[in-house]
Protein backbone atom coordinates (compact mmCIF):
# COMPACT_ATOMS: atom_id res chain seq x y z
CA UNK A 1 0.18 0.07 0.11
CA UNK A 2 3.21 2.38 0.83
CA UNK A 3 3.67 2.26 -3.02
CA UNK A 4 0.14 3.60 -3.96
CA UNK A 5 0.51 7.22 -5.39
CA UNK A 6 -1.85 8.47 -2.94
CA UNK A 7 0.43 7.96 -0.22
CA UNK A 8 3.31 9.58 -1.88
CA UNK A 9 4.69 13.05 -1.11
CA UNK A 10 3.75 15.64 -3.57
CA UNK A 11 5.46 19.24 -3.84
CA UNK A 12 3.36 22.66 -5.04
CA UNK A 13 5.57 25.57 -5.35
CA UNK A 14 7.41 25.53 -1.89
CA UNK A 15 5.11 23.62 0.07
CA UNK A 16 5.27 19.64 0.26
CA UNK A 17 2.22 17.42 1.38
CA UNK A 18 3.33 14.25 2.93
CA UNK A 19 0.45 12.32 0.90
CA UNK A 20 -1.90 13.27 -1.37
CA UNK A 21 -4.97 13.02 1.22
CA UNK A 22 -6.84 16.13 1.41
CA UNK A 23 -9.64 17.41 3.86
CA UNK A 24 -11.91 19.59 1.94
CA UNK A 25 -13.33 22.67 3.70
CA UNK A 26 -16.54 21.32 5.54
CA UNK A 27 -18.67 24.01 7.25
CA UNK A 28 -18.92 23.52 10.93
CA UNK A 29 -21.55 26.36 11.64
CA UNK A 30 -19.85 26.84 14.95
CA UNK A 31 -18.19 30.11 14.79
CA UNK A 32 -19.02 32.90 17.29
CA UNK A 33 -19.47 36.03 15.28
CA UNK A 34 -17.12 35.04 12.81
CA UNK A 35 -14.42 34.00 15.40
CA UNK A 36 -13.20 30.19 15.40
CA UNK A 37 -14.00 28.17 18.24
CA UNK A 38 -12.35 25.10 20.38
CA UNK A 39 -14.48 23.07 18.07
CA UNK A 40 -12.80 24.19 14.92
CA UNK A 41 -9.56 23.18 16.60
CA UNK A 42 -10.89 19.89 17.36
CA UNK A 43 -12.25 19.13 14.00
CA UNK A 44 -9.34 20.21 11.99
CA UNK A 45 -6.94 18.95 14.15
CA UNK A 46 -8.34 15.31 14.54
CA UNK A 47 -7.76 15.15 10.62
CA UNK A 48 -4.48 16.44 10.83
CA UNK A 49 -3.52 14.03 13.70
CA UNK A 50 -5.25 11.15 11.84
CA UNK A 51 -2.71 11.81 8.74
CA UNK A 52 -4.24 13.58 5.94
CA UNK A 53 -1.56 15.62 3.90
CA UNK A 54 -3.47 18.94 3.44
CA UNK A 55 -6.16 19.97 5.93
CA UNK A 56 -8.55 23.07 4.68
CA UNK A 57 -10.39 25.06 7.03
CA UNK A 58 -13.88 25.75 5.75
CA UNK A 59 -15.26 28.58 3.69
CA UNK A 60 -14.20 31.43 5.55
CA UNK A 61 -15.87 34.97 4.46
CA UNK A 62 -14.09 37.95 2.99
CA UNK A 63 -16.54 40.19 4.18
CA UNK A 64 -19.67 40.40 6.75
CA UNK A 65 -22.13 40.56 3.76
CA UNK A 66 -20.65 36.96 2.48
CA UNK A 67 -21.67 34.84 5.62
CA UNK A 68 -24.02 32.12 4.44
CA UNK A 69 -25.63 31.45 8.00
CA UNK A 70 -25.04 32.11 11.81
CA UNK A 71 -21.62 30.30 12.44
CA UNK A 72 -19.67 30.88 9.25
CA UNK A 73 -16.19 31.68 9.90
CA UNK A 74 -14.73 35.30 8.95
CA UNK A 75 -11.31 36.88 7.97
CA UNK A 76 -12.68 40.17 7.19
CA UNK A 77 -10.78 42.04 9.88
CA UNK A 78 -7.36 41.76 11.38
CA UNK A 79 -8.85 40.73 14.52
CA UNK A 80 -9.51 37.27 13.10
CA UNK A 81 -5.76 36.77 12.50
CA UNK A 82 -4.67 35.31 15.67
CA UNK A 83 -7.69 33.36 16.39
CA UNK A 84 -7.48 31.47 13.08
CA UNK A 85 -3.31 31.10 13.61
CA UNK A 86 -4.10 28.80 16.63
CA UNK A 87 -5.94 26.59 14.31
CA UNK A 88 -3.47 26.77 11.59
CA UNK A 89 -0.60 26.09 14.09
CA UNK A 90 -2.07 23.06 15.72
CA UNK A 91 -2.63 21.78 12.20
CA UNK A 92 0.90 22.12 11.39
CA UNK A 93 2.03 20.61 14.53
CA UNK A 94 0.51 17.31 13.18
CA UNK A 95 2.83 17.47 10.22
CA UNK A 96 0.15 18.25 7.98
CA UNK A 97 -0.29 21.34 5.66
CA UNK A 98 -2.66 24.04 6.92
CA UNK A 99 -4.72 25.40 4.06
CA UNK A 100 -8.15 27.76 4.18
CA UNK A 101 -10.65 28.47 1.81
CA UNK A 102 -11.84 31.91 1.28
CA UNK A 103 -15.68 32.41 -0.07
CA UNK A 104 -18.70 34.83 -0.27
CA UNK A 105 -22.14 33.44 -0.13
CA UNK A 106 -23.49 36.26 -2.30
CA UNK A 107 -27.29 35.88 -3.00
CA UNK A 108 -27.37 32.52 -0.84
CA UNK A 109 -26.43 34.46 2.29
CA UNK A 110 -28.38 35.07 5.61
CA UNK A 111 -29.70 31.54 5.29
CA UNK A 112 -30.76 29.00 7.85
CA UNK A 113 -28.81 26.28 9.12
CA UNK A 114 -29.14 22.81 6.89
CA UNK A 115 -30.91 21.24 9.88
CA UNK A 116 -33.23 24.47 10.43
CA UNK A 117 -34.83 23.69 6.97
CA UNK A 118 -32.67 25.27 4.26
CA UNK A 119 -34.38 28.64 4.13
CA UNK A 120 -34.06 32.23 4.49
CA UNK A 121 -33.36 33.37 8.15
CA UNK A 122 -36.03 35.21 9.77
CA UNK A 123 -35.05 38.50 11.68
CA UNK A 124 -34.38 37.77 15.37
CA UNK A 125 -32.65 39.31 18.33
CA UNK A 126 -29.98 36.55 17.86
CA UNK A 127 -28.55 38.95 14.60
CA UNK A 128 -27.34 42.13 15.94
CA UNK A 129 -26.44 43.35 12.67
CA UNK A 130 -29.35 42.15 10.30
CA UNK A 131 -29.38 45.28 8.04
CA UNK A 132 -25.41 44.97 7.26
CA UNK A 133 -26.09 41.31 6.45
CA UNK A 134 -28.27 41.99 3.26
CA UNK A 135 -27.37 39.63 0.51
CA UNK A 136 -25.85 41.25 -2.46
CA UNK A 137 -25.23 39.72 -6.09
CA UNK A 138 -23.99 40.40 -9.55
CA UNK A 139 -27.60 41.23 -10.31
CA UNK A 140 -30.84 41.44 -8.59
CA UNK A 141 -31.84 37.96 -9.38
CA UNK A 142 -33.25 35.52 -6.31
CA UNK A 143 -31.77 31.99 -6.38
CA UNK A 144 -35.11 30.43 -6.54
CA UNK A 145 -38.44 31.26 -5.60
CA UNK A 146 -38.07 30.32 -2.01
CA UNK A 147 -35.15 33.14 -1.55
CA UNK A 148 -35.42 36.98 -1.53
CA UNK A 149 -34.07 39.29 -4.14
CA UNK A 150 -30.61 40.36 -3.55
CA UNK A 151 -29.20 43.84 -3.93
CA UNK A 152 -27.24 44.02 -7.01
CA UNK A 153 -23.78 45.36 -6.41
CA UNK A 154 -22.61 48.71 -7.79
CA UNK A 155 -19.41 48.57 -10.13
CA UNK A 156 -17.24 50.28 -7.16
CA UNK A 157 -18.64 47.45 -4.65
CA UNK A 158 -17.30 44.86 -6.98
CA UNK A 159 -14.00 46.70 -7.27
CA UNK A 160 -14.11 46.99 -3.44
CA UNK A 161 -14.58 43.30 -2.76
CA UNK A 162 -11.67 42.25 -5.09
CA UNK A 163 -9.60 44.59 -2.77
CA UNK A 164 -11.35 42.70 0.21
CA UNK A 165 -10.45 39.06 -1.41
CA UNK A 166 -6.68 40.40 -1.19
CA UNK A 167 -6.52 41.59 2.21
CA UNK A 168 -8.18 38.15 3.36
CA UNK A 169 -5.47 36.56 1.55
CA UNK A 170 -2.84 38.65 3.20
CA UNK A 171 -4.43 37.78 6.66
CA UNK A 172 -4.47 34.04 5.74
CA UNK A 173 -0.64 34.35 5.50
CA UNK A 174 -0.21 36.28 8.30
CA UNK A 175 -2.41 33.12 10.08
CA UNK A 176 0.14 30.79 9.34
CA UNK A 177 -1.73 29.01 6.47
CA UNK A 178 0.15 27.91 3.52
CA UNK A 179 -2.41 26.59 1.02
CA UNK A 180 -5.44 29.00 -0.03
CA UNK A 181 -8.58 28.17 -2.31
CA UNK A 182 -10.74 30.45 -3.51
CA UNK A 183 -14.26 29.42 -3.68
CA UNK A 184 -15.96 29.89 -6.96
CA UNK A 185 -18.42 27.23 -7.06
CA UNK A 186 -21.78 26.26 -5.67
CA UNK A 187 -23.73 28.99 -6.57
CA UNK A 188 -22.12 31.35 -4.28
CA UNK A 189 -20.82 34.93 -5.60
CA UNK A 190 -17.94 34.34 -7.45
CA UNK A 191 -20.03 31.65 -9.46
CA UNK A 192 -23.07 33.64 -9.59
CA UNK A 193 -20.60 36.17 -11.76
CA UNK A 194 -19.68 33.35 -13.97
CA UNK A 195 -23.39 32.03 -14.77
CA UNK A 196 -25.48 33.78 -17.37
CA UNK A 197 -28.46 32.98 -15.48
CA UNK A 198 -27.43 35.05 -12.22
CA UNK A 199 -25.13 37.57 -14.03
CA UNK A 200 -27.29 40.06 -16.23
CA UNK A 201 -25.04 43.06 -15.50
CA UNK A 202 -24.49 45.72 -18.29
CA UNK A 203 -20.89 46.65 -17.20
CA UNK A 204 -17.44 45.19 -17.42
CA UNK A 205 -18.31 42.40 -15.17
CA UNK A 206 -21.32 41.18 -17.21
CA UNK A 207 -22.23 40.06 -20.61
CA UNK A 208 -19.85 38.54 -22.57
CA UNK A 209 -18.09 35.40 -20.99
CA UNK A 210 -14.81 37.30 -21.01
CA UNK A 211 -16.63 39.96 -18.81
CA UNK A 212 -18.29 37.44 -16.58
CA UNK A 213 -14.79 35.87 -16.00
CA UNK A 214 -13.40 39.10 -14.82
CA UNK A 215 -14.25 39.29 -11.28
CA UNK A 216 -12.52 35.87 -10.42
CA UNK A 217 -9.61 36.60 -12.68
CA UNK A 218 -9.35 40.31 -10.77
CA UNK A 219 -10.03 38.62 -7.56
CA UNK A 220 -6.97 36.01 -8.08
CA UNK A 221 -4.55 38.86 -9.35
CA UNK A 222 -5.61 40.72 -5.91
CA UNK A 223 -4.90 37.49 -4.16
CA UNK A 224 -1.62 36.83 -5.63
CA UNK A 225 -0.33 40.33 -4.60
CA UNK A 226 -0.53 39.40 -1.19
CA UNK A 227 -0.22 35.62 -1.09
CA UNK A 228 3.61 34.56 -1.14
CA UNK A 229 4.92 33.08 -4.26
CA UNK A 230 6.14 30.13 -2.70
CA UNK A 231 2.44 29.05 -1.48
CA UNK A 232 0.15 27.19 -3.60
CA UNK A 233 -3.29 28.79 -4.68
CA UNK A 234 -6.23 26.65 -5.74
CA UNK A 235 -9.73 27.48 -7.11
CA UNK A 236 -12.67 25.59 -6.70
CA UNK A 237 -15.31 25.57 -9.60
CA UNK A 238 -18.47 24.16 -10.62
CA UNK A 239 -17.15 22.56 -13.79
CA UNK A 240 -20.84 21.64 -14.71
CA UNK A 241 -23.70 23.52 -13.21
CA UNK A 242 -26.54 22.52 -15.85
CA UNK A 243 -27.04 26.29 -16.40
CA UNK A 244 -24.95 27.09 -19.26
CA UNK A 245 -21.60 27.01 -17.80
CA UNK A 246 -19.85 23.47 -18.66
CA UNK A 247 -16.53 22.04 -18.90
CA UNK A 248 -15.47 24.10 -22.10
CA UNK A 249 -16.18 27.50 -20.11
CA UNK A 250 -14.15 26.09 -17.02
CA UNK A 251 -10.99 24.70 -19.14
CA UNK A 252 -11.15 28.20 -20.89
CA UNK A 253 -11.06 29.88 -17.67
CA UNK A 254 -8.55 27.47 -15.79
CA UNK A 255 -6.08 28.26 -18.67
CA UNK A 256 -6.65 32.05 -17.75
CA UNK A 257 -6.30 31.38 -13.97
CA UNK A 258 -3.14 29.00 -14.32
CA UNK A 259 -1.54 32.37 -15.94
CA UNK A 260 -2.51 34.38 -13.12
CA UNK A 261 -0.96 31.97 -10.49
CA UNK A 262 -3.37 29.35 -9.92
CA UNK A 263 -1.68 26.06 -9.40
CA UNK A 264 -4.88 23.69 -8.70
CA UNK A 265 -8.56 23.84 -10.00
CA UNK A 266 -10.81 21.85 -7.41
CA UNK A 267 -13.73 20.43 -9.61
CA UNK A 268 -17.04 20.24 -8.34
CA UNK A 269 -20.56 20.82 -9.87
CA UNK A 270 -23.87 22.31 -9.33
CA UNK A 271 -25.17 24.88 -6.93
CA UNK A 272 -26.33 27.57 -9.38
CA UNK A 273 -29.84 26.21 -9.13
CA UNK A 274 -31.68 23.60 -7.03
CA UNK A 275 -31.60 21.00 -9.55
CA UNK A 276 -29.15 18.08 -9.08
CA UNK A 277 -25.55 18.53 -9.33
CA UNK A 278 -25.01 16.29 -12.53
CA UNK A 279 -28.32 16.16 -14.20
CA UNK A 280 -29.77 12.87 -15.32
CA UNK A 281 -26.40 11.15 -14.23
CA UNK A 282 -26.10 8.62 -11.02
CA UNK A 283 -24.26 10.36 -8.22
CA UNK A 284 -21.68 7.73 -7.12
CA UNK A 285 -18.07 7.31 -5.86
CA UNK A 286 -15.77 9.23 -8.06
CA UNK A 287 -18.33 10.89 -10.21
CA UNK A 288 -16.72 14.01 -10.17
CA UNK A 289 -13.71 12.83 -11.45
CA UNK A 290 -14.55 13.21 -15.23
CA UNK A 291 -14.72 16.79 -14.84
CA UNK A 292 -11.56 17.07 -13.14
CA UNK A 293 -9.99 15.08 -16.25
CA UNK A 294 -11.41 17.09 -18.73
CA UNK A 295 -10.16 20.44 -17.21
CA UNK A 296 -6.69 18.75 -16.50
CA UNK A 297 -6.50 17.81 -20.14
CA UNK A 298 -7.58 20.87 -21.85
CA UNK A 299 -6.11 23.49 -19.49
CA UNK A 300 -2.80 21.73 -18.74
CA UNK A 301 -3.34 22.27 -15.02
CA UNK A 302 -3.15 20.07 -12.23
CA UNK A 303 -6.66 19.35 -10.58
CA UNK A 304 -8.49 17.48 -7.69
CA UNK A 305 -12.14 16.32 -7.63
CA UNK A 306 -14.44 16.94 -4.86
CA UNK A 307 -15.64 13.75 -3.24
């Protein structure tokens, strides 16, 4: 078993993984006003101690409006650096590489937790900054009939968000993380810019495929400006979303992102609508692998597949 590729070391830029077992970012819904708790230390730490080569902390939000629900982790202020460094440090103490995913929920923000019914949150005393948590998106188009219409971002707000991702990358570096992943999948903000279904803007961030890619490309540039050259950068994409964005578009985007300093495309699917991820196909073990194979072959970039 020791000869299997899965258990062999792998070096990306200046970071070496002791094996190719990756623990993906998984929401824990356990943060307190954006801050990690002992639960996060335990959850990430158990996987690191269990022998994984890379442990990626859950989608951590680059601004308050980007929180999906109560309990999301935050990285929109320097006050989050020290608490997150405790988590990163413990992962590294277990001889694993510490990674973190940066995200923004866009129009899918301000939602209930999954066990509460997967629906929009209702205003309550528990949420002190309700108005500051207004869902935003490329266009004022709801995710579905069950969800509220988000506020469309002004052009300057889009540019401010690009800068926010860059500052979040700086904080992740200062907190001690060595791998960074940008969440561009599953119907969240970056994916909303990519999709014609959710992006009907008339400025430079909407319309043509190149314009719809612009936000993620600029985010990548801003992140790379603050993320050291020796540290790997991943991007998660919904390679097939069953709503007009598919493998061909993803491969074209991946080629551009590679030139901007992205090392790995983390391949997933679905999320821009409430349809099943791979419409008309059986969801089974390794069902996302063909998407990763396609992007790797057509964009000449390393890929991985979401389980």
